[in-house]
Protein backbone atom coordinates (compact mmCIF):
# COMPACT_ATOMS: atom_id res chain seq x y z
CA UNK A 1 79.86 300.73 172.87
CA UNK A 2 80.29 297.15 174.34
CA UNK A 3 77.65 294.35 173.83
CA UNK A 4 77.26 291.31 175.85
CA UNK A 5 75.00 288.30 174.99
CA UNK A 6 74.08 287.41 178.26
CA UNK A 7 72.06 284.73 180.16
CA UNK A 8 71.20 286.12 183.50
CA UNK A 9 70.71 282.52 184.95
CA UNK A 10 74.34 281.55 184.18
CA UNK A 11 76.70 282.45 186.83
CA UNK A 12 79.82 282.88 184.53
CA UNK A 13 77.56 285.33 182.44
CA UNK A 14 76.76 287.21 185.71
CA UNK A 15 80.34 287.43 186.41
CA UNK A 16 81.17 288.80 183.15
CA UNK A 17 78.48 291.56 183.05
CA UNK A 18 79.69 292.73 186.51
CA UNK A 19 83.24 292.53 185.44
CA UNK A 20 82.27 294.87 182.42
CA UNK A 21 80.28 297.06 184.82
CA UNK A 22 83.44 297.68 186.81
CA UNK A 23 85.84 297.87 184.11
CA UNK A 24 84.54 299.86 181.05
CA UNK A 25 83.46 303.42 181.28
CA UNK A 26 81.36 303.00 178.04
CA UNK A 27 77.61 302.23 177.96
CA UNK A 28 76.88 298.60 177.78
CA UNK A 29 74.46 296.99 175.55
CA UNK A 30 72.99 293.78 177.09
CA UNK A 31 71.26 291.30 174.91
CA UNK A 32 69.54 288.51 176.89
CA UNK A 33 69.96 286.14 173.94
CA UNK A 34 67.57 283.64 175.12
CA UNK A 35 64.56 286.06 174.90
CA UNK A 36 66.03 287.79 171.61
CA UNK A 37 68.05 285.15 169.90
CA UNK A 38 70.37 286.23 167.34
CA UNK A 39 69.58 285.80 163.68
CA UNK A 40 71.85 283.44 161.51
CA UNK A 41 73.32 286.68 159.88
CA UNK A 42 74.14 287.97 163.28
CA UNK A 43 75.52 284.75 164.46
CA UNK A 44 77.84 284.63 161.43
CA UNK A 45 79.12 288.13 162.10
CA UNK A 46 79.82 287.28 165.51
CA UNK A 47 81.90 284.32 164.63
CA UNK A 48 83.87 286.27 162.19
CA UNK A 49 84.77 288.68 165.02
CA UNK A 50 85.47 285.58 167.35
CA UNK A 51 87.50 284.06 164.66
CA UNK A 52 86.17 280.59 165.14
CA UNK A 53 84.15 278.05 163.45
CA UNK A 54 80.61 277.56 164.54
CA UNK A 55 81.16 274.21 166.17
CA UNK A 56 83.19 276.12 168.67
CA UNK A 57 80.48 278.32 169.89
CA UNK A 58 78.19 275.33 170.39
CA UNK A 59 77.55 274.17 174.09
CA UNK A 60 78.05 270.26 173.55
CA UNK A 61 76.76 269.45 176.95
CA UNK A 62 73.23 270.78 176.34
CA UNK A 63 70.47 267.97 175.88
CA UNK A 64 69.75 269.67 172.53
CA UNK A 65 73.15 269.05 171.19
CA UNK A 66 72.68 265.35 171.60
CA UNK A 67 69.02 265.30 170.44
CA UNK A 68 69.66 267.14 167.45
CA UNK A 69 72.74 265.17 166.72
CA UNK A 70 75.16 268.08 166.45
CA UNK A 71 78.29 266.07 166.72
CA UNK A 72 77.58 264.70 163.04
CA UNK A 73 80.76 266.07 161.05
CA UNK A 74 78.83 266.09 157.89
CA UNK A 75 76.85 269.15 159.24
CA UNK A 76 77.89 272.42 157.54
CA UNK A 77 78.96 275.55 159.11
CA UNK A 78 75.44 277.22 157.74
CA UNK A 79 73.44 274.44 159.21
CA UNK A 80 75.06 274.78 162.80
CA UNK A 81 74.70 278.52 162.72
CA UNK A 82 71.02 277.91 161.92
CA UNK A 83 70.59 275.54 164.57
CA UNK A 84 72.12 277.95 167.06
CA UNK A 85 69.78 280.93 165.79
CA UNK A 86 66.76 278.51 166.31
CA UNK A 87 68.11 276.98 169.51
CA UNK A 88 69.94 279.66 171.35
CA UNK A 89 70.32 277.74 174.56
CA UNK A 90 73.05 276.14 172.39
CA UNK A 91 75.30 279.20 171.99
CA UNK A 92 78.37 279.32 174.57
CA UNK A 93 78.04 282.28 176.88
CA UNK A 94 78.67 285.07 177.61
CA UNK A 95 79.97 286.69 174.28
CA UNK A 96 81.53 290.11 174.55
CA UNK A 97 81.73 292.42 171.42
CA UNK A 98 83.97 295.49 171.33
CA UNK A 99 84.07 296.93 167.95
CA UNK A 100 85.33 294.40 165.50
CA UNK A 101 86.58 292.20 168.38
CA UNK A 102 84.64 289.58 170.34
CA UNK A 103 85.54 286.97 173.03
CA UNK A 104 83.63 284.30 174.98
CA UNK A 105 83.68 285.56 178.66
CA UNK A 106 85.21 282.38 180.10
CA UNK A 107 87.71 283.08 181.59
CA UNK A 108 87.17 286.91 182.29
CA UNK A 109 90.80 287.49 180.91
CA UNK A 110 89.32 286.77 177.55
CA UNK A 111 87.34 290.07 177.94
CA UNK A 112 90.37 292.00 179.27
CA UNK A 113 92.01 291.22 176.10
CA UNK A 114 89.38 293.00 173.81
CA UNK A 115 88.80 295.98 176.07
C-alpha cells in the first residue's frame, strides 16, 4: 500500500494525489496530516525513509517557522521533530511512502522514483 501525507488545500499535494491515482494499481492510504498530525515517532520513521534531516522537511516560509525561531542552528533534531508534530503546517508536502521508501512529491518525478 502507498501512503500519501496530503493537504487537500495545496495544489502540489492535489497533483501528487491525482498522479498516484492514475499511476498506481494498489490502494492508496490518504492521511490528511493537518487533521491527523504524525507523531514524533512517525516523523522520525518518515525521515529515515526520506533519508534526510528534520530541518530539510520544514517549510521555512511559514509564519510559524519565524515565530518559533526554527532557523536557530542550536535546535536539536528531536526538537525540530517535536515542533513539526505539534505544528503540522510546518511539514513539507506532500510526502509519499511506498514500503521502506519515501519521497517529497515536488516534483512529481520524485514520486515516480519510488513506485
